[in-house]
Full PDB file with SEQRES, HELIX, SHEET, SSBOND, CRYST1, ORIGX, SCALE, CONECT and MASTER records, all heavy atoms in Angstrom:
SEQRES   1 A   32  ASN ILE ALA HIS LYS ASP GLN VAL PHE ILE ILE ARG ASP          
SEQRES   2 A   32  GLY PRO ASN GLY SER PHE ALA TYR LYS ASN ASN LEU GLU          
SEQRES   3 A   32  TYR ILE THR PRO ALA ILE                                      
HELIX    1 AA1 GLY A   14  ASN A   16  5                                   3    
SHEET    1 AA1 3 VAL A   8  ARG A  12  0                                        
SHEET    2 AA1 3 SER A  18  LYS A  22 -1                                        
SHEET    3 AA1 3 LEU A  25  THR A  29 -1                                        
CRYST1    1.000    1.000    1.000  90.00  90.00  90.00 P 1           1          
ORIGX1      1.000000  0.000000  0.000000        0.00000                         
ORIGX2      0.000000  1.000000  0.000000        0.00000                         
ORIGX3      0.000000  0.000000  1.000000        0.00000                         
SCALE1      1.000000  0.000000  0.000000        0.00000                         
SCALE2      0.000000  1.000000  0.000000        0.00000                         
SCALE3      0.000000  0.000000  1.000000        0.00000                         
ATOM      1  N   ASN A   1     370.560 -46.506 195.130  1.00  0.00           N  
ATOM      2  CA  ASN A   1     370.395 -47.265 193.893  1.00  0.00           C  
ATOM      3  C   ASN A   1     369.758 -46.458 192.758  1.00  0.00           C  
ATOM      4  O   ASN A   1     369.961 -46.774 191.583  1.00  0.00           O  
ATOM      5  CB  ASN A   1     369.556 -48.513 194.153  1.00  0.00           C  
ATOM      6  CG  ASN A   1     370.291 -49.552 194.979  1.00  0.00           C  
ATOM      7  OD1 ASN A   1     371.518 -49.592 194.989  1.00  0.00           O  
ATOM      8  ND2 ASN A   1     369.542 -50.387 195.689  1.00  0.00           N  
ATOM      9  N   ILE A   2     368.973 -45.421 193.098  1.00  0.00           N  
ATOM     10  CA  ILE A   2     368.259 -44.688 192.042  1.00  0.00           C  
ATOM     11  C   ILE A   2     368.726 -43.246 191.873  1.00  0.00           C  
ATOM     12  O   ILE A   2     368.446 -42.630 190.839  1.00  0.00           O  
ATOM     13  CB  ILE A   2     366.735 -44.692 192.287  1.00  0.00           C  
ATOM     14  CG1 ILE A   2     366.383 -43.902 193.549  1.00  0.00           C  
ATOM     15  CG2 ILE A   2     366.183 -46.101 192.355  1.00  0.00           C  
ATOM     16  CD1 ILE A   2     364.889 -43.622 193.676  1.00  0.00           C  
ATOM     17  N   ALA A   3     369.421 -42.679 192.851  1.00  0.00           N  
ATOM     18  CA  ALA A   3     369.761 -41.255 192.809  1.00  0.00           C  
ATOM     19  C   ALA A   3     370.795 -40.956 191.735  1.00  0.00           C  
ATOM     20  O   ALA A   3     371.758 -41.700 191.549  1.00  0.00           O  
ATOM     21  CB  ALA A   3     370.276 -40.809 194.172  1.00  0.00           C  
ATOM     22  N   HIS A   4     370.581 -39.850 191.017  1.00  0.00           N  
ATOM     23  CA  HIS A   4     371.615 -39.385 190.094  1.00  0.00           C  
ATOM     24  C   HIS A   4     372.475 -38.339 190.789  1.00  0.00           C  
ATOM     25  O   HIS A   4     372.141 -37.869 191.885  1.00  0.00           O  
ATOM     26  CB  HIS A   4     371.016 -38.863 188.786  1.00  0.00           C  
ATOM     27  CG  HIS A   4     369.966 -37.807 188.941  1.00  0.00           C  
ATOM     28  ND1 HIS A   4     370.239 -36.519 189.383  1.00  0.00           N  
ATOM     29  CD2 HIS A   4     368.618 -37.842 188.705  1.00  0.00           C  
ATOM     30  CE1 HIS A   4     369.126 -35.806 189.389  1.00  0.00           C  
ATOM     31  NE2 HIS A   4     368.127 -36.591 189.001  1.00  0.00           N  
ATOM     32  N   LYS A   5     373.573 -37.966 190.196  1.00  0.00           N  
ATOM     33  CA  LYS A   5     374.553 -37.072 190.818  1.00  0.00           C  
ATOM     34  C   LYS A   5     373.896 -35.764 191.274  1.00  0.00           C  
ATOM     35  O   LYS A   5     373.145 -35.138 190.530  1.00  0.00           O  
ATOM     36  CB  LYS A   5     375.687 -36.765 189.843  1.00  0.00           C  
ATOM     37  CG  LYS A   5     376.852 -35.993 190.477  1.00  0.00           C  
ATOM     38  CD  LYS A   5     377.965 -35.803 189.479  1.00  0.00           C  
ATOM     39  CE  LYS A   5     379.167 -35.108 190.120  1.00  0.00           C  
ATOM     40  NZ  LYS A   5     378.866 -33.747 190.574  1.00  0.00           N  
ATOM     41  N   ASP A   6     374.175 -35.400 192.517  1.00  0.00           N  
ATOM     42  CA  ASP A   6     373.708 -34.160 193.155  1.00  0.00           C  
ATOM     43  C   ASP A   6     372.205 -34.143 193.446  1.00  0.00           C  
ATOM     44  O   ASP A   6     371.681 -33.138 193.934  1.00  0.00           O  
ATOM     45  CB  ASP A   6     374.068 -32.920 192.323  1.00  0.00           C  
ATOM     46  CG  ASP A   6     375.571 -32.696 192.251  1.00  0.00           C  
ATOM     47  OD1 ASP A   6     376.277 -33.100 193.198  1.00  0.00           O  
ATOM     48  OD2 ASP A   6     376.039 -32.121 191.247  1.00  0.00           O  
ATOM     49  N   GLN A   7     371.491 -35.245 193.157  1.00  0.00           N  
ATOM     50  CA  GLN A   7     370.075 -35.305 193.503  1.00  0.00           C  
ATOM     51  C   GLN A   7     369.930 -35.430 195.013  1.00  0.00           C  
ATOM     52  O   GLN A   7     370.668 -36.172 195.660  1.00  0.00           O  
ATOM     53  CB  GLN A   7     369.411 -36.489 192.813  1.00  0.00           C  
ATOM     54  CG  GLN A   7     367.890 -36.510 192.928  1.00  0.00           C  
ATOM     55  CD  GLN A   7     367.273 -37.664 192.152  1.00  0.00           C  
ATOM     56  OE1 GLN A   7     367.881 -38.720 192.003  1.00  0.00           O  
ATOM     57  NE2 GLN A   7     366.061 -37.467 191.636  1.00  0.00           N  
ATOM     58  N   VAL A   8     368.964 -34.702 195.579  1.00  0.00           N  
ATOM     59  CA  VAL A   8     368.771 -34.663 197.025  1.00  0.00           C  
ATOM     60  C   VAL A   8     367.423 -35.283 197.385  1.00  0.00           C  
ATOM     61  O   VAL A   8     366.389 -34.887 196.843  1.00  0.00           O  
ATOM     62  CB  VAL A   8     368.842 -33.217 197.565  1.00  0.00           C  
ATOM     63  CG1 VAL A   8     368.666 -33.198 199.082  1.00  0.00           C  
ATOM     64  CG2 VAL A   8     370.163 -32.561 197.168  1.00  0.00           C  
ATOM     65  N   PHE A   9     367.438 -36.248 198.292  1.00  0.00           N  
ATOM     66  CA  PHE A   9     366.222 -36.846 198.832  1.00  0.00           C  
ATOM     67  C   PHE A   9     366.061 -36.356 200.274  1.00  0.00           C  
ATOM     68  O   PHE A   9     366.993 -36.487 201.079  1.00  0.00           O  
ATOM     69  CB  PHE A   9     366.299 -38.370 198.813  1.00  0.00           C  
ATOM     70  CG  PHE A   9     366.137 -38.968 197.443  1.00  0.00           C  
ATOM     71  CD1 PHE A   9     367.177 -38.920 196.524  1.00  0.00           C  
ATOM     72  CD2 PHE A   9     364.937 -39.554 197.061  1.00  0.00           C  
ATOM     73  CE1 PHE A   9     367.032 -39.464 195.257  1.00  0.00           C  
ATOM     74  CE2 PHE A   9     364.790 -40.105 195.788  1.00  0.00           C  
ATOM     75  CZ  PHE A   9     365.827 -40.055 194.885  1.00  0.00           C  
ATOM     76  N   ILE A  10     364.899 -35.799 200.576  1.00  0.00           N  
ATOM     77  CA  ILE A  10     364.656 -35.217 201.901  1.00  0.00           C  
ATOM     78  C   ILE A  10     363.479 -35.943 202.545  1.00  0.00           C  
ATOM     79  O   ILE A  10     362.359 -35.926 202.030  1.00  0.00           O  
ATOM     80  CB  ILE A  10     364.370 -33.716 201.799  1.00  0.00           C  
ATOM     81  CG1 ILE A  10     365.566 -33.006 201.142  1.00  0.00           C  
ATOM     82  CG2 ILE A  10     364.097 -33.124 203.185  1.00  0.00           C  
ATOM     83  CD1 ILE A  10     365.287 -31.599 200.718  1.00  0.00           C  
ATOM     84  N   ILE A  11     363.753 -36.585 203.672  1.00  0.00           N  
ATOM     85  CA  ILE A  11     362.756 -37.383 204.371  1.00  0.00           C  
ATOM     86  C   ILE A  11     362.275 -36.628 205.605  1.00  0.00           C  
ATOM     87  O   ILE A  11     363.057 -36.330 206.515  1.00  0.00           O  
ATOM     88  CB  ILE A  11     363.337 -38.747 204.778  1.00  0.00           C  
ATOM     89  CG1 ILE A  11     363.815 -39.499 203.529  1.00  0.00           C  
ATOM     90  CG2 ILE A  11     362.313 -39.571 205.549  1.00  0.00           C  
ATOM     91  CD1 ILE A  11     364.587 -40.754 203.825  1.00  0.00           C  
ATOM     92  N   ARG A  12     360.996 -36.308 205.636  1.00  0.00           N  
ATOM     93  CA  ARG A  12     360.400 -35.650 206.803  1.00  0.00           C  
ATOM     94  C   ARG A  12     359.912 -36.716 207.778  1.00  0.00           C  
ATOM     95  O   ARG A  12     359.214 -37.636 207.383  1.00  0.00           O  
ATOM     96  CB  ARG A  12     359.231 -34.756 206.372  1.00  0.00           C  
ATOM     97  CG  ARG A  12     359.608 -33.689 205.334  1.00  0.00           C  
ATOM     98  CD  ARG A  12     358.420 -32.801 205.024  1.00  0.00           C  
ATOM     99  NE  ARG A  12     357.288 -33.571 204.521  1.00  0.00           N  
ATOM    100  CZ  ARG A  12     356.894 -33.590 203.260  1.00  0.00           C  
ATOM    101  NH1 ARG A  12     357.523 -32.888 202.352  1.00  0.00           N  
ATOM    102  NH2 ARG A  12     355.847 -34.315 202.890  1.00  0.00           N  
ATOM    103  N   ASP A  13     360.271 -36.539 209.051  1.00  0.00           N  
ATOM    104  CA  ASP A  13     359.903 -37.553 210.044  1.00  0.00           C  
ATOM    105  C   ASP A  13     359.331 -36.912 211.302  1.00  0.00           C  
ATOM    106  O   ASP A  13     359.691 -37.260 212.420  1.00  0.00           O  
ATOM    107  CB  ASP A  13     361.129 -38.422 210.381  1.00  0.00           C  
ATOM    108  CG  ASP A  13     360.754 -39.675 211.164  1.00  0.00           C  
ATOM    109  OD1 ASP A  13     359.571 -40.072 211.121  1.00  0.00           O  
ATOM    110  OD2 ASP A  13     361.641 -40.244 211.832  1.00  0.00           O  
ATOM    111  N   GLY A  14     358.434 -35.944 211.106  1.00  0.00           N  
ATOM    112  CA  GLY A  14     357.697 -35.336 212.213  1.00  0.00           C  
ATOM    113  C   GLY A  14     358.584 -34.835 213.333  1.00  0.00           C  
ATOM    114  O   GLY A  14     359.546 -34.086 213.106  1.00  0.00           O  
ATOM    115  N   PRO A  15     358.305 -35.267 214.574  1.00  0.00           N  
ATOM    116  CA  PRO A  15     359.072 -34.788 215.734  1.00  0.00           C  
ATOM    117  C   PRO A  15     360.535 -35.230 215.723  1.00  0.00           C  
ATOM    118  O   PRO A  15     361.344 -34.711 216.497  1.00  0.00           O  
ATOM    119  CB  PRO A  15     358.325 -35.393 216.920  1.00  0.00           C  
ATOM    120  CG  PRO A  15     357.580 -36.567 216.362  1.00  0.00           C  
ATOM    121  CD  PRO A  15     357.211 -36.167 214.975  1.00  0.00           C  
ATOM    122  N   ASN A  16     360.876 -36.174 214.841  1.00  0.00           N  
ATOM    123  CA  ASN A  16     362.274 -36.614 214.730  1.00  0.00           C  
ATOM    124  C   ASN A  16     363.092 -35.752 213.771  1.00  0.00           C  
ATOM    125  O   ASN A  16     364.277 -36.005 213.568  1.00  0.00           O  
ATOM    126  CB  ASN A  16     362.328 -38.072 214.266  1.00  0.00           C  
ATOM    127  CG  ASN A  16     361.695 -39.014 215.265  1.00  0.00           C  
ATOM    128  OD1 ASN A  16     361.916 -38.895 216.469  1.00  0.00           O  
ATOM    129  ND2 ASN A  16     360.880 -39.939 214.774  1.00  0.00           N  
ATOM    130  N   GLY A  17     362.458 -34.752 213.173  1.00  0.00           N  
ATOM    131  CA  GLY A  17     363.177 -33.855 212.285  1.00  0.00           C  
ATOM    132  C   GLY A  17     363.216 -34.361 210.858  1.00  0.00           C  
ATOM    133  O   GLY A  17     362.294 -35.030 210.389  1.00  0.00           O  
ATOM    134  N   SER A  18     364.287 -34.067 210.167  1.00  0.00           N  
ATOM    135  CA  SER A  18     364.413 -34.455 208.762  1.00  0.00           C  
ATOM    136  C   SER A  18     365.774 -35.079 208.493  1.00  0.00           C  
ATOM    137  O   SER A  18     366.751 -34.818 209.205  1.00  0.00           O  
ATOM    138  CB  SER A  18     364.207 -33.240 207.848  1.00  0.00           C  
ATOM    139  OG  SER A  18     365.211 -32.270 208.085  1.00  0.00           O  
ATOM    140  N   PHE A  19     365.814 -35.903 207.435  1.00  0.00           N  
ATOM    141  CA  PHE A  19     367.034 -36.578 207.018  1.00  0.00           C  
ATOM    142  C   PHE A  19     367.189 -36.349 205.517  1.00  0.00           C  
ATOM    143  O   PHE A  19     366.258 -36.600 204.754  1.00  0.00           O  
ATOM    144  CB  PHE A  19     366.947 -38.081 207.299  1.00  0.00           C  
ATOM    145  CG  PHE A  19     366.590 -38.397 208.722  1.00  0.00           C  
ATOM    146  CD1 PHE A  19     365.265 -38.376 209.141  1.00  0.00           C  
ATOM    147  CD2 PHE A  19     367.571 -38.709 209.642  1.00  0.00           C  
ATOM    148  CE1 PHE A  19     364.927 -38.659 210.460  1.00  0.00           C  
ATOM    149  CE2 PHE A  19     367.250 -39.006 210.954  1.00  0.00           C  
ATOM    150  CZ  PHE A  19     365.920 -38.983 211.367  1.00  0.00           C  
ATOM    151  N   ALA A  20     368.341 -35.869 205.088  1.00  0.00           N  
ATOM    152  CA  ALA A  20     368.577 -35.623 203.674  1.00  0.00           C  
ATOM    153  C   ALA A  20     369.767 -36.443 203.197  1.00  0.00           C  
ATOM    154  O   ALA A  20     370.736 -36.650 203.942  1.00  0.00           O  
ATOM    155  CB  ALA A  20     368.815 -34.137 203.424  1.00  0.00           C  
ATOM    156  N   TYR A  21     369.669 -36.916 201.956  1.00  0.00           N  
ATOM    157  CA  TYR A  21     370.746 -37.708 201.356  1.00  0.00           C  
ATOM    158  C   TYR A  21     371.151 -37.066 200.033  1.00  0.00           C  
ATOM    159  O   TYR A  21     370.307 -36.788 199.181  1.00  0.00           O  
ATOM    160  CB  TYR A  21     370.283 -39.150 201.113  1.00  0.00           C  
ATOM    161  CG  TYR A  21     369.908 -39.871 202.383  1.00  0.00           C  
ATOM    162  CD1 TYR A  21     368.579 -39.936 202.797  1.00  0.00           C  
ATOM    163  CD2 TYR A  21     370.880 -40.464 203.182  1.00  0.00           C  
ATOM    164  CE1 TYR A  21     368.225 -40.591 203.971  1.00  0.00           C  
ATOM    165  CE2 TYR A  21     370.536 -41.123 204.357  1.00  0.00           C  
ATOM    166  CZ  TYR A  21     369.216 -41.184 204.744  1.00  0.00           C  
ATOM    167  OH  TYR A  21     368.872 -41.822 205.912  1.00  0.00           O  
ATOM    168  N   LYS A  22     372.457 -36.832 199.882  1.00  0.00           N  
ATOM    169  CA  LYS A  22     373.005 -36.277 198.652  1.00  0.00           C  
ATOM    170  C   LYS A  22     374.387 -36.871 198.417  1.00  0.00           C  
ATOM    171  O   LYS A  22     375.271 -36.764 199.282  1.00  0.00           O  
ATOM    172  CB  LYS A  22     373.094 -34.749 198.735  1.00  0.00           C  
ATOM    173  CG  LYS A  22     373.705 -34.105 197.490  1.00  0.00           C  
ATOM    174  CD  LYS A  22     373.845 -32.603 197.651  1.00  0.00           C  
ATOM    175  CE  LYS A  22     374.476 -31.987 196.406  1.00  0.00           C  
ATOM    176  NZ  LYS A  22     374.659 -30.518 196.550  1.00  0.00           N  
ATOM    177  N   ASN A  23     374.571 -37.492 197.263  1.00  0.00           N  
ATOM    178  CA  ASN A  23     375.874 -38.069 196.905  1.00  0.00           C  
ATOM    179  C   ASN A  23     376.443 -38.942 198.027  1.00  0.00           C  
ATOM    180  O   ASN A  23     377.613 -38.832 198.410  1.00  0.00           O  
ATOM    181  CB  ASN A  23     376.868 -36.964 196.547  1.00  0.00           C  
ATOM    182  CG  ASN A  23     376.446 -36.182 195.311  1.00  0.00           C  
ATOM    183  OD1 ASN A  23     375.715 -36.701 194.454  1.00  0.00           O  
ATOM    184  ND2 ASN A  23     376.889 -34.940 195.204  1.00  0.00           N  
ATOM    185  N   ASN A  24     375.573 -39.805 198.586  1.00  0.00           N  
ATOM    186  CA  ASN A  24     375.949 -40.768 199.642  1.00  0.00           C  
ATOM    187  C   ASN A  24     376.281 -40.112 200.983  1.00  0.00           C  
ATOM    188  O   ASN A  24     376.772 -40.772 201.899  1.00  0.00           O  
ATOM    189  CB  ASN A  24     377.130 -41.641 199.207  1.00  0.00           C  
ATOM    190  CG  ASN A  24     376.782 -42.516 198.024  1.00  0.00           C  
ATOM    191  OD1 ASN A  24     375.663 -43.009 197.908  1.00  0.00           O  
ATOM    192  ND2 ASN A  24     377.735 -42.705 197.117  1.00  0.00           N  
ATOM    193  N   LEU A  25     376.013 -38.821 201.116  1.00  0.00           N  
ATOM    194  CA  LEU A  25     376.187 -38.148 202.402  1.00  0.00           C  
ATOM    195  C   LEU A  25     374.828 -37.955 203.054  1.00  0.00           C  
ATOM    196  O   LEU A  25     373.819 -37.742 202.370  1.00  0.00           O  
ATOM    197  CB  LEU A  25     376.867 -36.790 202.217  1.00  0.00           C  
ATOM    198  CG  LEU A  25     378.298 -36.801 201.682  1.00  0.00           C  
ATOM    199  CD1 LEU A  25     378.796 -35.365 201.482  1.00  0.00           C  
ATOM    200  CD2 LEU A  25     379.236 -37.553 202.626  1.00  0.00           C  
ATOM    201  N   GLU A  26     374.789 -38.020 204.383  1.00  0.00           N  
ATOM    202  CA  GLU A  26     373.544 -37.872 205.124  1.00  0.00           C  
ATOM    203  C   GLU A  26     373.576 -36.591 205.947  1.00  0.00           C  
ATOM    204  O   GLU A  26     374.577 -36.275 206.592  1.00  0.00           O  
ATOM    205  CB  GLU A  26     373.335 -39.076 206.051  1.00  0.00           C  
ATOM    206  CG  GLU A  26     372.018 -39.037 206.827  1.00  0.00           C  
ATOM    207  CD  GLU A  26     371.813 -40.276 207.681  1.00  0.00           C  
ATOM    208  OE1 GLU A  26     372.809 -40.997 207.932  1.00  0.00           O  
ATOM    209  OE2 GLU A  26     370.681 -40.518 208.095  1.00  0.00           O  
ATOM    210  N   TYR A  27     372.478 -35.854 205.923  1.00  0.00           N  
ATOM    211  CA  TYR A  27     372.333 -34.619 206.685  1.00  0.00           C  
ATOM    212  C   TYR A  27     371.138 -34.793 207.622  1.00  0.00           C  
ATOM    213  O   TYR A  27     370.008 -34.980 207.158  1.00  0.00           O  
ATOM    214  CB  TYR A  27     372.102 -33.426 205.763  1.00  0.00           C  
ATOM    215  CG  TYR A  27     373.200 -33.198 204.750  1.00  0.00           C  
ATOM    216  CD1 TYR A  27     373.242 -33.948 203.566  1.00  0.00           C  
ATOM    217  CD2 TYR A  27     374.186 -32.243 204.956  1.00  0.00           C  
ATOM    218  CE1 TYR A  27     374.247 -33.755 202.621  1.00  0.00           C  
ATOM    219  CE2 TYR A  27     375.193 -32.034 204.014  1.00  0.00           C  
ATOM    220  CZ  TYR A  27     375.214 -32.788 202.851  1.00  0.00           C  
ATOM    221  OH  TYR A  27     376.204 -32.593 201.926  1.00  0.00           O  
ATOM    222  N   ILE A  28     371.380 -34.718 208.915  1.00  0.00           N  
ATOM    223  CA  ILE A  28     370.316 -34.898 209.908  1.00  0.00           C  
ATOM    224  C   ILE A  28     370.024 -33.548 210.551  1.00  0.00           C  
ATOM    225  O   ILE A  28     370.934 -32.879 211.068  1.00  0.00           O  
ATOM    226  CB  ILE A  28     370.728 -35.914 210.981  1.00  0.00           C  
ATOM    227  CG1 ILE A  28     371.024 -37.276 210.327  1.00  0.00           C  
ATOM    228  CG2 ILE A  28     369.631 -36.061 212.037  1.00  0.00           C  
ATOM    229  CD1 ILE A  28     371.595 -38.301 211.278  1.00  0.00           C  
ATOM    230  N   THR A  29     368.764 -33.145 210.525  1.00  0.00           N  
ATOM    231  CA  THR A  29     368.364 -31.861 211.094  1.00  0.00           C  
ATOM    232  C   THR A  29     367.258 -32.101 212.121  1.00  0.00           C  
ATOM    233  O   THR A  29     366.168 -32.555 211.765  1.00  0.00           O  
ATOM    234  CB  THR A  29     367.838 -30.914 210.002  1.00  0.00           C  
ATOM    235  OG1 THR A  29     368.791 -30.853 208.932  1.00  0.00           O  
ATOM    236  CG2 THR A  29     367.637 -29.513 210.561  1.00  0.00           C  
ATOM    237  N   PRO A  30     367.510 -31.822 213.403  1.00  0.00           N  
ATOM    238  CA  PRO A  30     366.490 -32.077 214.428  1.00  0.00           C  
ATOM    239  C   PRO A  30     365.302 -31.130 214.302  1.00  0.00           C  
ATOM    240  O   PRO A  30     365.437 -30.004 213.818  1.00  0.00           O  
ATOM    241  CB  PRO A  30     367.254 -31.841 215.737  1.00  0.00           C  
ATOM    242  CG  PRO A  30     368.377 -30.926 215.370  1.00  0.00           C  
ATOM    243  CD  PRO A  30     368.758 -31.296 213.973  1.00  0.00           C  
ATOM    244  N   ALA A  31     364.146 -31.608 214.723  1.00  0.00           N  
ATOM    245  CA  ALA A  31     362.946 -30.768 214.729  1.00  0.00           C  
ATOM    246  C   ALA A  31     362.999 -29.801 215.898  1.00  0.00           C  
ATOM    247  O   ALA A  31     363.736 -30.000 216.866  1.00  0.00           O  
ATOM    248  CB  ALA A  31     361.698 -31.647 214.830  1.00  0.00           C  
ATOM    249  N   ILE A  32     362.212 -28.740 215.799  1.00  0.00           N  
ATOM    250  CA  ILE A  32     362.068 -27.797 216.901  1.00  0.00           C  
ATOM    251  C   ILE A  32     360.982 -28.321 217.835  1.00  0.00           C  
ATOM    252  O   ILE A  32     359.887 -28.678 217.388  1.00  0.00           O  
ATOM    253  CB  ILE A  32     361.709 -26.399 216.367  1.00  0.00           C  
ATOM    254  CG1 ILE A  32     362.855 -25.882 215.485  1.00  0.00           C  
ATOM    255  CG2 ILE A  32     361.436 -25.426 217.515  1.00  0.00           C  
ATOM    256  CD1 ILE A  32     362.544 -24.599 214.758  1.00  0.00           C  
TER     257      ILE A  32                                                      
MASTER        0    0    0    1    3    0    0    6  256    1    0    3          
END                                                                             
């Protein structure tokens, strides 16, 4: 609802890794 074009939101979630959102796409990266 608030993101503008190509803006990236990156959510850090500790041992669950990180989640990024860009242009309605989701990128999930596991933690080490």
